[in-house]
Protein backbone atom coordinates (compact mmCIF):
# COMPACT_ATOMS: atom_id res chain seq x y z
CA MET A 1 0.00 0.00 0.00
CA ASP A 2 1.00 3.69 -0.10
CA MET A 3 2.69 5.91 2.47
CA TYR A 4 1.98 9.60 2.78
CA ILE A 5 2.24 12.52 5.21
CA LYS A 6 -0.88 13.30 7.21
CA LEU A 7 -1.81 16.17 9.52
CA THR A 8 -3.88 14.93 12.43
CA LYS A 9 -5.65 17.13 14.94
CA SER A 10 -5.92 15.89 18.53
CA LYS A 11 -7.48 18.19 21.08
CA LYS A 12 -5.79 21.59 20.66
CA TYR A 13 -2.68 20.40 18.80
CA THR A 14 -1.97 19.32 15.21
CA TYR A 15 0.50 16.49 14.61
CA VAL A 16 2.46 15.48 11.52
CA GLN A 17 2.62 11.74 10.85
CA VAL A 18 3.88 9.41 8.15
CA VAL A 19 1.14 6.80 7.66
CA GLU A 20 0.82 3.67 5.54
CA GLY A 21 -2.42 2.25 4.14
CA TYR A 22 -3.08 -1.45 4.59
CA ARG A 23 -6.00 -3.74 3.88
CA VAL A 24 -8.00 -5.78 6.40
CA GLY A 25 -10.43 -7.88 4.40
CA GLU A 26 -12.28 -5.37 2.23
CA LYS A 27 -11.47 -2.32 4.37
CA VAL A 28 -8.50 0.01 3.97
CA LYS A 29 -7.01 1.16 7.28
CA HIS A 30 -3.98 3.24 8.22
CA LYS A 31 -1.12 2.67 10.59
CA VAL A 32 1.34 5.30 11.78
CA ILE A 33 4.88 4.59 10.54
CA LEU A 34 6.49 7.67 12.03
CA ASN A 35 5.37 10.52 14.29
CA LEU A 36 7.14 13.73 13.24
CA GLY A 37 5.70 15.61 16.20
CA ARG A 38 3.56 18.63 16.95
CA VAL A 39 3.27 21.30 14.29
CA ASP A 40 3.92 24.12 16.77
CA LYS A 41 7.20 22.48 17.80
CA LEU A 42 8.24 21.68 14.24
CA LYS A 43 7.83 25.33 13.29
CA GLU A 44 10.78 26.08 15.57
CA ASP A 45 12.99 23.65 13.59
CA ALA A 46 14.64 25.21 10.52
CA SER A 47 14.80 21.86 8.73
CA TRP A 48 11.00 21.67 8.69
CA GLU A 49 10.87 24.18 5.83
CA GLY A 50 13.04 21.84 3.75
CA VAL A 51 10.84 18.84 4.48
CA LEU A 52 7.73 20.73 3.42
CA GLY A 53 9.50 22.01 0.36
CA ARG A 54 10.34 18.50 -0.82
CA LEU A 55 6.82 17.35 -0.04
CA ALA A 56 5.35 20.29 -1.96
CA GLN A 57 7.58 19.55 -4.93
CA ALA A 58 6.56 15.88 -4.98
CA LEU A 59 2.91 16.91 -4.88
CA GLU A 60 3.37 19.79 -7.33
CA LEU A 61 2.34 22.26 -4.61
CA LYS A 62 5.16 24.77 -4.98
CA ASN A 63 4.98 27.87 -2.76
CA ILE A 64 1.65 27.00 -1.15
CA PHE A 65 2.59 24.60 1.63
CA ASP A 66 3.25 27.04 4.45
CA ILE A 67 2.86 25.56 7.91
CA ASN A 68 1.60 28.84 9.32
CA LYS A 69 -1.29 28.91 6.85
CA SER A 70 -2.24 25.23 6.42
CA LYS A 71 -4.77 23.38 8.54
CA ALA A 72 -5.49 19.75 9.37
CA THR A 73 -6.60 17.54 6.46
CA GLU A 74 -9.83 15.76 5.55
CA THR A 75 -10.09 12.76 3.23
CA VAL A 76 -12.87 12.44 0.62
CA ASN A 77 -13.62 9.85 -2.06
CA TRP A 78 -13.71 10.46 -5.82
CA GLY A 79 -13.73 6.80 -6.88
CA TYR A 80 -17.53 6.88 -6.93
CA LEU A 81 -17.25 8.81 -10.21
CA VAL A 82 -16.41 5.55 -11.99
CA TYR A 83 -19.93 4.34 -11.17
CA LYS A 84 -21.35 7.76 -12.02
CA LYS A 85 -20.03 7.34 -15.56
CA LEU A 86 -21.71 3.92 -15.82
CA TRP A 87 -24.90 5.39 -14.32
CA ARG A 88 -24.98 7.91 -17.15
CA LYS A 89 -24.00 5.28 -19.71
CA PHE A 90 -27.21 3.43 -18.78
CA LYS A 91 -29.07 6.79 -18.87
CA LEU A 92 -30.46 6.10 -15.40
CA HIS A 93 -30.30 9.83 -14.62
CA GLU A 94 -32.69 10.42 -17.53
CA THR A 95 -35.21 7.72 -16.65
CA LEU A 96 -35.28 8.76 -12.97
CA SER A 97 -35.73 12.41 -13.97
CA ASN A 98 -38.64 11.34 -16.19
CA ILE A 99 -40.18 9.38 -13.31
CA ARG A 100 -39.87 12.46 -11.10
CA ASP A 101 -41.37 14.77 -13.71
CA ASN A 102 -44.28 12.42 -14.43
CA GLY A 103 -45.11 11.94 -10.76
CA LYS A 104 -45.53 14.06 -7.67
CA THR A 105 -41.85 14.03 -6.71
CA SER A 106 -40.35 17.50 -6.34
CA PHE A 107 -36.86 16.68 -5.00
CA ASP A 108 -33.86 15.46 -7.03
CA LEU A 109 -34.76 11.76 -7.31
CA ASP A 110 -31.71 10.90 -9.41
CA ASN A 111 -29.29 12.45 -6.92
CA ALA A 112 -30.91 10.66 -3.96
CA CYS A 113 -31.02 7.26 -5.69
CA PHE A 114 -27.44 7.41 -6.91
CA LEU A 115 -26.22 8.27 -3.42
CA MET A 116 -27.90 5.12 -2.05
CA VAL A 117 -26.41 3.05 -4.86
CA ILE A 118 -22.80 4.23 -4.42
CA GLN A 119 -23.05 3.87 -0.66
CA HIS A 120 -24.30 0.34 -1.20
CA LEU A 121 -21.41 -0.38 -3.57
CA LEU A 122 -18.59 1.19 -1.55
CA ASN A 123 -19.63 0.92 2.09
CA PRO A 124 -23.13 -0.52 2.73
CA ARG A 125 -25.01 0.97 5.65
CA SER A 126 -28.47 2.16 6.68
CA LYS A 127 -30.15 5.12 5.02
CA LEU A 128 -29.38 7.21 8.10
CA GLY A 129 -25.76 6.10 7.83
CA THR A 130 -25.83 6.97 4.12
CA TYR A 131 -27.13 10.44 4.92
CA ASN A 132 -24.39 10.99 7.52
CA GLN A 133 -21.71 9.65 5.17
CA GLN A 134 -22.54 11.71 2.06
CA LYS A 135 -19.91 14.37 2.75
CA PHE A 136 -17.31 11.66 2.18
CA TYR A 137 -18.05 11.85 -1.57
CA SER A 138 -16.16 14.78 -3.01
CA GLY A 139 -18.39 17.38 -4.63
CA TYR A 140 -21.63 15.46 -4.05
CA LYS A 141 -24.79 17.56 -3.95
CA GLU A 142 -26.30 17.27 -0.46
CA VAL A 143 -29.34 14.99 -0.08
CA ASP A 144 -31.99 15.38 2.62
CA LEU A 145 -32.55 12.30 4.81
CA ASN A 146 -36.29 12.31 4.15
CA HIS A 147 -35.61 12.28 0.41
CA LEU A 148 -33.73 8.99 0.77
CA TYR A 149 -36.73 7.34 2.42
CA ARG A 150 -39.21 8.86 -0.05
CA SER A 151 -37.02 7.67 -2.95
CA LEU A 152 -37.54 4.07 -1.82
CA ASP A 153 -41.32 4.52 -2.16
CA VAL A 154 -40.86 5.92 -5.68
CA LEU A 155 -38.49 3.10 -6.66
CA CYS A 156 -40.99 0.52 -5.41
CA LYS A 157 -43.78 1.95 -7.56
CA ASN A 158 -41.57 2.20 -10.65
CA LYS A 159 -39.62 -1.06 -10.30
CA GLU A 160 -40.92 -2.58 -13.54
CA ALA A 161 -40.28 0.58 -15.59
CA ILE A 162 -36.70 0.75 -14.27
CA GLU A 163 -36.15 -2.94 -15.05
CA LYS A 164 -37.46 -2.46 -18.58
CA HIS A 165 -35.18 0.54 -19.09
CA VAL A 166 -32.15 -1.44 -17.85
CA PHE A 167 -33.06 -4.38 -20.10
CA ASP A 168 -33.35 -2.15 -23.17
CA MET A 169 -30.06 -0.39 -22.38
CA ASN A 170 -28.25 -3.70 -21.85
CA ARG A 171 -29.53 -4.89 -25.22
CA ASP A 172 -28.48 -1.67 -26.98
CA LEU A 173 -25.12 -1.20 -25.25
CA PHE A 174 -23.89 -4.78 -25.19
CA ASP A 175 -26.06 -6.59 -27.73
CA MET A 176 -27.19 -8.66 -24.75
CA LYS A 177 -28.20 -12.18 -25.74
CA VAL A 178 -31.17 -13.59 -23.82
CA ASP A 179 -31.67 -16.79 -25.76
CA VAL A 180 -30.42 -18.54 -22.62
CA VAL A 181 -31.55 -17.14 -19.26
CA PHE A 182 -30.45 -18.46 -15.89
CA TYR A 183 -32.87 -18.49 -12.98
CA ASP A 184 -32.40 -19.23 -9.30
CA VAL A 185 -33.95 -18.41 -5.96
CA THR A 186 -32.56 -17.35 -2.61
CA THR A 187 -33.80 -15.88 0.68
CA PHE A 188 -33.00 -12.72 2.66
CA HIS A 189 -33.90 -12.64 6.34
CA PHE A 190 -34.70 -9.90 8.87
CA GLU A 191 -33.78 -9.73 12.55
CA SER A 192 -37.46 -9.93 13.38
CA VAL A 193 -40.30 -12.33 14.13
CA MET A 194 -42.97 -9.86 12.95
CA LYS A 195 -44.52 -11.14 9.72
CA ASP A 196 -46.66 -9.28 7.17
CA GLY A 197 -47.76 -9.69 3.56
CA LEU A 198 -44.17 -9.90 2.31
CA ARG A 199 -42.04 -10.93 5.28
CA ASN A 200 -42.88 -14.38 6.52
CA PHE A 201 -41.36 -17.54 7.94
CA GLY A 202 -40.16 -20.13 5.45
CA TYR A 203 -37.32 -22.42 4.50
CA SER A 204 -34.21 -20.26 4.93
CA LYS A 205 -31.20 -20.91 2.72
CA ASN A 206 -29.15 -19.18 5.43
CA CYS A 207 -30.51 -21.43 8.21
CA LYS A 208 -32.28 -18.44 9.83
CA PHE A 209 -35.42 -20.43 10.55
CA ASN A 210 -36.50 -18.31 13.54
CA GLU A 211 -36.62 -15.05 11.59
CA VAL A 212 -38.95 -13.75 8.89
CA GLN A 213 -37.62 -13.49 5.35
CA VAL A 214 -38.39 -12.62 1.74
CA VAL A 215 -37.71 -14.82 -1.30
CA LEU A 216 -35.95 -13.42 -4.37
CA GLY A 217 -36.00 -15.01 -7.83
CA LEU A 218 -33.31 -13.63 -10.13
CA PHE A 219 -32.74 -13.89 -13.90
CA VAL A 220 -29.25 -13.28 -15.31
CA ASP A 221 -27.85 -13.56 -18.84
CA CYS A 222 -24.93 -15.69 -20.05
CA GLU A 223 -22.43 -13.12 -18.77
CA GLY A 224 -23.93 -12.96 -15.29
CA ARG A 225 -25.59 -9.56 -15.84
CA PRO A 226 -29.01 -9.10 -14.21
CA VAL A 227 -32.04 -9.33 -16.50
CA GLY A 228 -34.81 -8.98 -13.91
CA TYR A 229 -36.01 -10.21 -10.54
CA GLU A 230 -39.14 -10.85 -8.51
CA LEU A 231 -39.76 -10.66 -4.77
CA PHE A 232 -42.04 -13.20 -3.09
CA PRO A 233 -43.41 -13.68 0.43
CA GLY A 234 -40.97 -15.50 2.69
CA ASN A 235 -43.05 -18.70 2.84
CA THR A 236 -42.95 -19.24 -0.96
CA PHE A 237 -41.26 -22.46 -2.09
CA ASP A 238 -38.66 -22.25 -4.87
CA SER A 239 -40.83 -24.24 -7.25
CA LYS A 240 -43.75 -21.81 -6.80
CA THR A 241 -41.80 -18.71 -7.89
CA LEU A 242 -41.04 -19.50 -11.52
CA ASP A 243 -44.48 -19.04 -13.08
CA ASN A 244 -44.85 -15.46 -11.80
CA ALA A 245 -41.25 -14.69 -12.73
CA LEU A 246 -41.86 -15.93 -16.27
CA ASP A 247 -44.87 -13.62 -16.53
CA GLY A 248 -42.56 -10.70 -15.95
CA LEU A 249 -39.95 -11.99 -18.40
CA GLU A 250 -42.56 -12.24 -21.15
CA LYS A 251 -44.76 -9.21 -20.49
CA ARG A 252 -42.13 -6.61 -19.57
CA PHE A 253 -39.30 -7.63 -21.84
CA GLY A 254 -41.06 -9.38 -24.71
CA VAL A 255 -38.48 -12.16 -24.54
CA ARG A 256 -39.26 -15.12 -26.76
CA ASN A 257 -37.46 -18.33 -27.77
CA VAL A 258 -35.65 -18.63 -24.45
CA ILE A 259 -34.04 -21.61 -22.74
CA ILE A 260 -34.49 -21.42 -18.96
CA VAL A 261 -31.57 -22.95 -17.07
CA ALA A 262 -32.24 -23.72 -13.42
CA ASP A 263 -31.33 -26.01 -10.53
CA ARG A 264 -33.33 -28.83 -8.92
CA GLY A 265 -35.44 -26.48 -6.81
CA ILE A 266 -37.35 -25.39 -9.93
CA ASN A 267 -37.79 -28.92 -11.29
CA SER A 268 -41.47 -29.64 -10.72
CA LYS A 269 -43.67 -31.04 -13.47
CA LEU A 270 -46.03 -28.05 -13.42
CA ASN A 271 -43.11 -25.63 -13.66
CA LEU A 272 -41.72 -27.45 -16.67
CA LYS A 273 -45.13 -27.51 -18.34
CA SER A 274 -45.50 -23.76 -17.72
CA ILE A 275 -42.16 -23.14 -19.45
CA VAL A 276 -43.11 -25.26 -22.47
CA ASP A 277 -46.61 -23.76 -22.70
CA ARG A 278 -45.05 -20.30 -23.05
CA GLY A 279 -42.99 -21.50 -26.00
CA TYR A 280 -39.76 -21.60 -24.01
CA ASN A 281 -37.42 -24.54 -23.45
CA TYR A 282 -35.58 -25.59 -20.30
CA ILE A 283 -32.41 -27.22 -19.04
CA VAL A 284 -32.77 -28.32 -15.42
CA ALA A 285 -31.02 -30.62 -13.01
CA SER A 286 -32.76 -33.97 -12.81
CA ARG A 287 -33.83 -35.86 -9.68
CA ILE A 288 -32.54 -39.22 -10.94
CA LYS A 289 -32.84 -40.81 -7.49
CA ASN A 290 -36.61 -40.29 -7.70
CA MET A 291 -37.03 -41.72 -11.19
CA GLY A 292 -38.62 -45.08 -11.94
CA LYS A 293 -36.84 -48.40 -11.80
CA THR A 294 -36.71 -48.75 -15.61
CA VAL A 295 -34.94 -45.41 -16.06
CA GLN A 296 -32.51 -46.16 -13.23
CA GLU A 297 -31.61 -49.50 -14.79
CA LYS A 298 -30.73 -47.67 -18.02
CA ILE A 299 -28.62 -45.20 -16.04
CA PHE A 300 -26.55 -47.97 -14.43
CA ASP A 301 -26.27 -49.99 -17.64
CA GLN A 302 -22.79 -49.12 -18.93
CA LYS A 303 -23.76 -49.76 -22.53
CA GLY A 304 -24.31 -46.63 -24.60
CA TYR A 305 -21.98 -44.31 -22.64
CA SER A 306 -19.57 -42.13 -24.62
CA ASP A 307 -16.34 -40.56 -23.39
CA LEU A 308 -16.70 -36.97 -22.24
CA GLY A 309 -13.11 -36.20 -21.32
CA SER A 310 -9.65 -37.62 -20.70
CA ASP A 311 -10.38 -37.92 -16.97
CA GLY A 312 -12.67 -40.92 -17.49
CA SER A 313 -15.92 -38.94 -17.45
CA ARG A 314 -18.65 -40.13 -19.80
CA TYR A 315 -22.24 -39.45 -20.80
CA LYS A 316 -25.36 -41.09 -22.16
CA VAL A 317 -28.49 -39.57 -23.73
CA LEU A 318 -31.81 -41.20 -22.89
CA PRO A 319 -35.09 -40.25 -24.60
CA TYR A 320 -37.51 -39.59 -21.75
CA LEU A 321 -41.25 -38.98 -21.42
CA ASN A 322 -42.00 -36.69 -18.51
CA ASN A 323 -45.56 -37.65 -17.58
CA GLN A 324 -48.03 -36.00 -15.25
CA LYS A 325 -50.63 -38.74 -14.77
CA ASN A 326 -52.50 -37.67 -11.66
CA GLY A 327 -55.15 -35.00 -11.26
CA PRO A 328 -56.92 -32.91 -13.92
CA ASN A 329 -53.69 -31.57 -15.46
CA GLN A 330 -52.42 -34.65 -17.28
CA PHE A 331 -49.69 -34.08 -19.85
CA THR A 332 -46.54 -35.53 -21.38
CA ILE A 333 -43.37 -33.62 -22.27
CA LYS A 334 -40.80 -35.22 -24.57
CA GLU A 335 -37.33 -34.70 -23.15
CA ASN A 336 -33.75 -35.79 -23.48
CA LEU A 337 -32.20 -36.99 -20.24
CA ILE A 338 -28.44 -36.52 -20.25
CA ILE A 339 -26.66 -38.71 -17.71
CA THR A 340 -23.03 -37.96 -16.88
CA TYR A 341 -20.57 -39.90 -14.75
CA SER A 342 -17.19 -38.81 -13.42
CA LEU A 343 -14.74 -40.31 -10.91
CA LYS A 344 -14.16 -36.85 -9.43
CA ARG A 345 -17.85 -36.47 -8.65
CA ALA A 346 -17.99 -40.03 -7.29
CA LYS A 347 -15.26 -39.18 -4.77
CA LYS A 348 -17.06 -35.99 -3.78
CA ASP A 349 -20.42 -37.78 -3.36
CA ASN A 350 -18.77 -40.41 -1.18
CA ALA A 351 -17.01 -37.78 0.95
CA ASP A 352 -20.26 -35.84 1.38
CA ARG A 353 -22.05 -39.02 2.52
CA GLN A 354 -19.29 -39.85 5.00
CA ARG A 355 -19.73 -36.43 6.62
CA LEU A 356 -23.47 -37.07 6.95
CA LEU A 357 -22.79 -40.52 8.44
CA GLU A 358 -20.53 -38.93 11.05
CA LYS A 359 -23.37 -36.57 11.95
CA ALA A 360 -25.78 -39.51 12.07
CA GLU A 361 -23.46 -41.39 14.46
CA HIS A 362 -23.28 -38.28 16.63
CA LEU A 363 -27.09 -38.12 16.74
CA LEU A 364 -27.30 -41.79 17.72
CA SER A 365 -24.95 -41.18 20.63
CA ASN A 366 -27.00 -38.11 21.64
CA LYS A 367 -30.56 -39.16 20.84
CA SER A 368 -32.01 -36.19 22.66
CA LEU A 369 -30.76 -34.09 19.71
CA ILE A 370 -32.95 -36.00 17.25
CA LYS A 371 -36.09 -33.98 16.62
CA SER A 372 -39.16 -34.75 14.58
CA GLY A 373 -39.48 -33.15 11.19
CA LYS A 374 -37.92 -33.50 7.77
CA LYS A 375 -34.94 -35.81 7.39
CA ARG A 376 -32.10 -33.42 6.68
CA GLY A 377 -28.43 -33.58 7.54
CA GLY A 378 -27.33 -36.64 9.48
CA LYS A 379 -30.94 -37.58 10.16
CA LYS A 380 -31.22 -38.54 6.50
CA TYR A 381 -29.52 -41.86 7.32
CA LEU A 382 -31.45 -42.67 10.49
CA LYS A 383 -34.40 -45.03 10.66
CA GLU A 384 -36.96 -44.97 13.45
CA THR A 385 -37.51 -48.40 15.05
CA ASN A 386 -40.09 -47.15 17.54
CA GLU A 387 -41.22 -43.84 18.99
CA THR A 388 -38.00 -43.35 20.98
CA ASP A 389 -35.30 -45.33 19.20
CA TYR A 390 -33.33 -44.93 15.98
CA VAL A 391 -30.75 -46.96 14.03
CA LEU A 392 -28.67 -46.36 10.91
CA ASP A 393 -30.72 -46.83 7.74
CA VAL A 394 -28.37 -49.21 5.92
CA GLU A 395 -30.76 -49.57 2.97
CA ALA A 396 -30.81 -45.78 2.38
CA ILE A 397 -27.01 -45.63 2.62
CA LEU A 398 -26.53 -48.41 0.04
CA LYS A 399 -29.13 -46.89 -2.29
CA ASP A 400 -27.42 -43.50 -2.24
CA SER A 401 -23.96 -45.00 -2.79
CA LYS A 402 -25.11 -46.52 -6.10
CA PHE A 403 -25.53 -42.99 -7.50
CA ASP A 404 -22.01 -41.82 -6.63
CA GLY A 405 -20.58 -40.00 -9.65
CA TYR A 406 -23.85 -39.88 -11.61
CA TYR A 407 -25.64 -36.67 -12.50
CA GLY A 408 -28.71 -36.01 -14.63
CA ILE A 409 -29.86 -33.04 -16.69
CA GLN A 410 -33.25 -32.80 -18.42
CA THR A 411 -33.99 -30.64 -21.45
CA SER A 412 -37.11 -30.10 -23.51
CA ASP A 413 -35.04 -28.97 -26.52
CA GLN A 414 -34.24 -32.22 -28.27
CA ASN A 415 -32.26 -30.45 -30.99
CA LEU A 416 -29.56 -29.15 -28.65
CA SER A 417 -26.21 -30.92 -28.71
CA VAL A 418 -24.92 -32.53 -25.53
CA GLU A 419 -22.02 -30.06 -25.52
CA LYS A 420 -24.33 -27.03 -25.57
CA ILE A 421 -26.57 -28.51 -22.88
CA LEU A 422 -23.67 -29.26 -20.54
CA ASN A 423 -22.04 -25.88 -21.19
CA ALA A 424 -25.30 -24.05 -20.49
CA TYR A 425 -25.91 -25.95 -17.27
CA HIS A 426 -22.34 -25.60 -16.07
CA THR A 427 -22.68 -21.84 -16.57
CA LEU A 428 -25.35 -21.87 -13.85
CA TRP A 429 -22.53 -21.04 -11.43
CA LYS A 430 -22.78 -17.45 -12.67
CA ILE A 431 -26.14 -16.94 -11.01
CA GLU A 432 -24.92 -18.73 -7.88
CA GLU A 433 -21.97 -16.33 -7.91
CA SER A 434 -24.42 -13.45 -8.41
CA PHE A 435 -26.22 -14.36 -5.20
CA ARG A 436 -22.91 -14.61 -3.35
CA VAL A 437 -22.02 -11.12 -4.57
CA MET A 438 -25.41 -9.72 -3.55
CA LYS A 439 -25.34 -11.40 -0.13
CA SER A 440 -21.72 -10.73 0.79
CA THR A 441 -19.87 -8.05 -1.12
CA LEU A 442 -22.87 -5.85 -1.92
CA GLU A 443 -24.51 -6.72 1.40
CA VAL A 444 -28.18 -6.75 0.49
CA ARG A 445 -28.38 -7.89 4.09
CA PRO A 446 -28.94 -6.52 6.66
CA ILE A 447 -32.22 -4.93 5.61
CA PHE A 448 -33.09 -1.94 7.81
CA HIS A 449 -36.61 -1.24 6.49
CA TRP A 450 -39.92 -2.46 7.87
CA THR A 451 -42.65 -1.27 5.48
CA GLU A 452 -43.35 -3.40 2.41
CA ASP A 453 -42.85 -0.56 -0.10
CA ARG A 454 -39.50 0.45 1.35
CA ILE A 455 -38.26 -3.13 1.49
CA LYS A 456 -39.14 -3.43 -2.20
CA GLY A 457 -37.48 -0.07 -2.91
CA HIS A 458 -34.36 -1.28 -1.12
CA PHE A 459 -34.16 -4.24 -3.49
CA VAL A 460 -34.39 -1.88 -6.49
CA VAL A 461 -31.31 -0.10 -5.08
CA CYS A 462 -29.60 -3.50 -4.75
CA PHE A 463 -30.56 -4.39 -8.32
CA LEU A 464 -29.09 -1.15 -9.70
CA SER A 465 -25.96 -1.57 -7.58
CA PHE A 466 -25.52 -5.10 -8.86
CA LEU A 467 -26.00 -3.87 -12.44
CA LEU A 468 -23.22 -1.27 -12.14
CA GLU A 469 -20.80 -3.61 -10.37
CA ARG A 470 -21.34 -6.44 -12.85
CA THR A 471 -20.98 -4.06 -15.80
CA LEU A 472 -17.68 -2.69 -14.50
CA GLU A 473 -16.44 -6.22 -13.84
CA PHE A 474 -17.49 -7.27 -17.35
CA ASP A 475 -15.82 -4.22 -18.97
CA LEU A 476 -12.57 -4.96 -17.13
CA LEU A 477 -12.70 -8.61 -18.19
CA ASN A 478 -13.16 -7.57 -21.81
CA ASN A 479 -9.89 -5.65 -21.45
CA GLY A 480 -8.07 -8.67 -20.03
CA ILE A 481 -8.33 -7.51 -16.41
CA ARG A 482 -9.57 -10.06 -13.88
CA ALA A 483 -10.65 -8.44 -10.62
CA SER A 484 -13.00 -9.71 -7.94
CA THR A 485 -15.87 -7.65 -6.59
CA ALA A 486 -13.90 -7.14 -3.38
CA ASP A 487 -10.82 -5.97 -5.30
CA ILE A 488 -12.88 -3.48 -7.30
CA ARG A 489 -14.50 -2.09 -4.18
CA SER A 490 -11.16 -1.74 -2.42
CA ALA A 491 -9.65 0.04 -5.43
CA LEU A 492 -12.53 2.52 -5.68
CA GLN A 493 -12.45 3.13 -1.92
CA SER A 494 -8.76 4.01 -2.18
CA MET A 495 -9.40 6.71 -4.80
CA GLN A 496 -9.34 9.64 -2.40
CA PHE A 497 -8.47 13.30 -2.22
CA THR A 498 -6.81 14.80 0.82
CA GLU A 499 -8.34 18.23 1.45
CA ILE A 500 -5.90 20.85 2.71
CA GLU A 501 -7.08 24.29 3.66
CA TYR A 502 -4.45 26.95 2.94
CA GLY A 503 -5.50 30.42 3.95
CA GLU A 504 -8.87 31.02 2.32
CA THR A 505 -8.47 28.26 -0.29
CA LYS A 506 -9.00 24.51 -0.15
CA TYR A 507 -6.87 22.20 -2.28
CA LEU A 508 -7.49 18.61 -3.28
CA LEU A 509 -4.36 16.45 -3.15
CA THR A 510 -4.61 13.21 -5.12
CA GLN A 511 -3.31 10.22 -3.19
CA ALA A 512 -1.05 7.74 -4.97
CA GLN A 513 -3.02 5.05 -6.83
CA ASN A 514 -2.41 1.31 -7.14
CA GLU A 515 -2.19 -0.66 -10.38
CA LEU A 516 -5.85 -1.75 -10.40
CA VAL A 517 -7.03 1.85 -10.05
CA GLU A 518 -4.97 2.81 -13.08
CA LYS A 519 -6.46 -0.10 -15.07
CA ILE A 520 -10.01 0.86 -14.05
CA LEU A 521 -9.46 4.47 -15.10
CA LYS A 522 -7.97 3.41 -18.43
CA THR A 523 -10.86 1.01 -19.10
CA MET A 524 -13.43 3.67 -18.24
CA GLN A 525 -11.51 6.33 -20.20
CA ILE A 526 -11.17 8.57 -17.16
CA LYS A 527 -7.99 10.61 -16.66
CA LEU A 528 -6.22 10.58 -13.32
CA PRO A 529 -6.67 14.01 -11.65
CA LYS A 530 -3.66 16.27 -11.26
CA ASN A 531 -1.67 15.96 -8.05
CA SER A 532 -3.18 19.15 -6.68
CA ILE A 533 -6.38 20.98 -7.66
CA PRO A 534 -8.05 24.04 -6.14
CA LYS A 535 -11.25 22.52 -4.78
CA GLY A 536 -13.57 24.99 -6.49
CA LYS A 537 -12.03 24.31 -9.90
CA PHE A 538 -12.59 20.56 -10.00
CA ASP A 539 -15.65 19.97 -12.21
CA MET A 540 -16.98 16.47 -11.50
CA ASP A 541 -19.27 16.41 -14.52
CA LYS A 542 -16.55 17.39 -16.99
CA PHE A 543 -14.17 14.95 -15.33
CA ILE A 544 -16.24 11.92 -16.41
CA SER A 545 -17.66 13.31 -19.67
């Protein structure tokens, strides 16, 4: 990291220190390398003039760094301007201004929304924290706290219009291909047990079963960029979200001829029929352990397998009729069932089962820990012999072991090659990564809002934040620059000015930048600011134009 000289005020004295920046996780902190002493004492030392002179020369601040006229420094961020340029590239300032003009909003909606987005991207915190932090962004027009809250209500009401605008801009800017769309579901919980129409108890993917939650279904394209999302009450099962989400995909975006790629949670017969009825196709993970005996015999029959790679992996394609025989909605969907086998997966499946068996053994030795309910975790391999006693379910263990290394994928598009099907499904990690980014780096959680509209507005902010971050990441990758979300955030956080007040004038001193910052600026076609700039002469808008 970089070292620089810093003036620090403590009580009635100002001290001169040499400090070095260092990183702890995603945060940049400072440690004091050398204390030069109190300014009032240093003024008595003739050599001090020479030190300041060399410092001024290095910073191109000739003849202005006079200790008798300078005051303690303040640090402000200008890295947010990278996202401001992307914000304008997507013309979000225009669509939000139109929303304001067409509604009853009188305040600067664009300014308030962008502040929430950059705070979310660079240092997530509550709206009150965002309001208190806004002076950290150099040259940012001040936003009233009430305007932040009111903006969430406006975003909630205009969520679909904003999504449609983003979709159209993605298509125009990047020629976004949506012939394959990835869909997955996750949950976001609240530190609360108070449920309402949106927040409710349900199966938590974060194991927060004692707290209310909401369910989010997200569509992304082949590059991992967001296409759209839907929020559902917290007690909605994964398989129940897809139909409503597809309504939005079709009505708002007019997307046709799409292949939906999704994991097992979406694989219900009615979901698959809904996809086909809309004229779409699907590629989904198959529940081969639940399939009939005839199909399983074909899976284990080694005849018909073809080599998939040099590591001994192989595949087989089975024509399959997916039948819904019960109830009024009887139907048949013609599918291809692609079965793959790999030794690497077999070892992983076996290791996963061994961990569950260890948990099962622990439960048997502590039977008071065994609770009624669904058989998850180690309880999966326990069998109840009577109301109070359990033993290992040897039959279940042997049955599972037969499937070690096998994996199934179903598709309704019988014209797709095996290679395209496997590539599309293996790309599903991009949406899983998207959720990891939203949950960790962008910190959708914790959610500090309690009214339904403001919770929904908060997720619009998260969606826009995710859009900008993913776009920057994608632009860097196109220029041969691989950088994680955490690396990008750290780089933008480090793009700071040190404000020095000299007499009646304030100057912005540009801190030294690391290699990633330079690459980001080059990719975004933004010039590095001069080493020193009179504060009133730095035009933020012209800087990113």
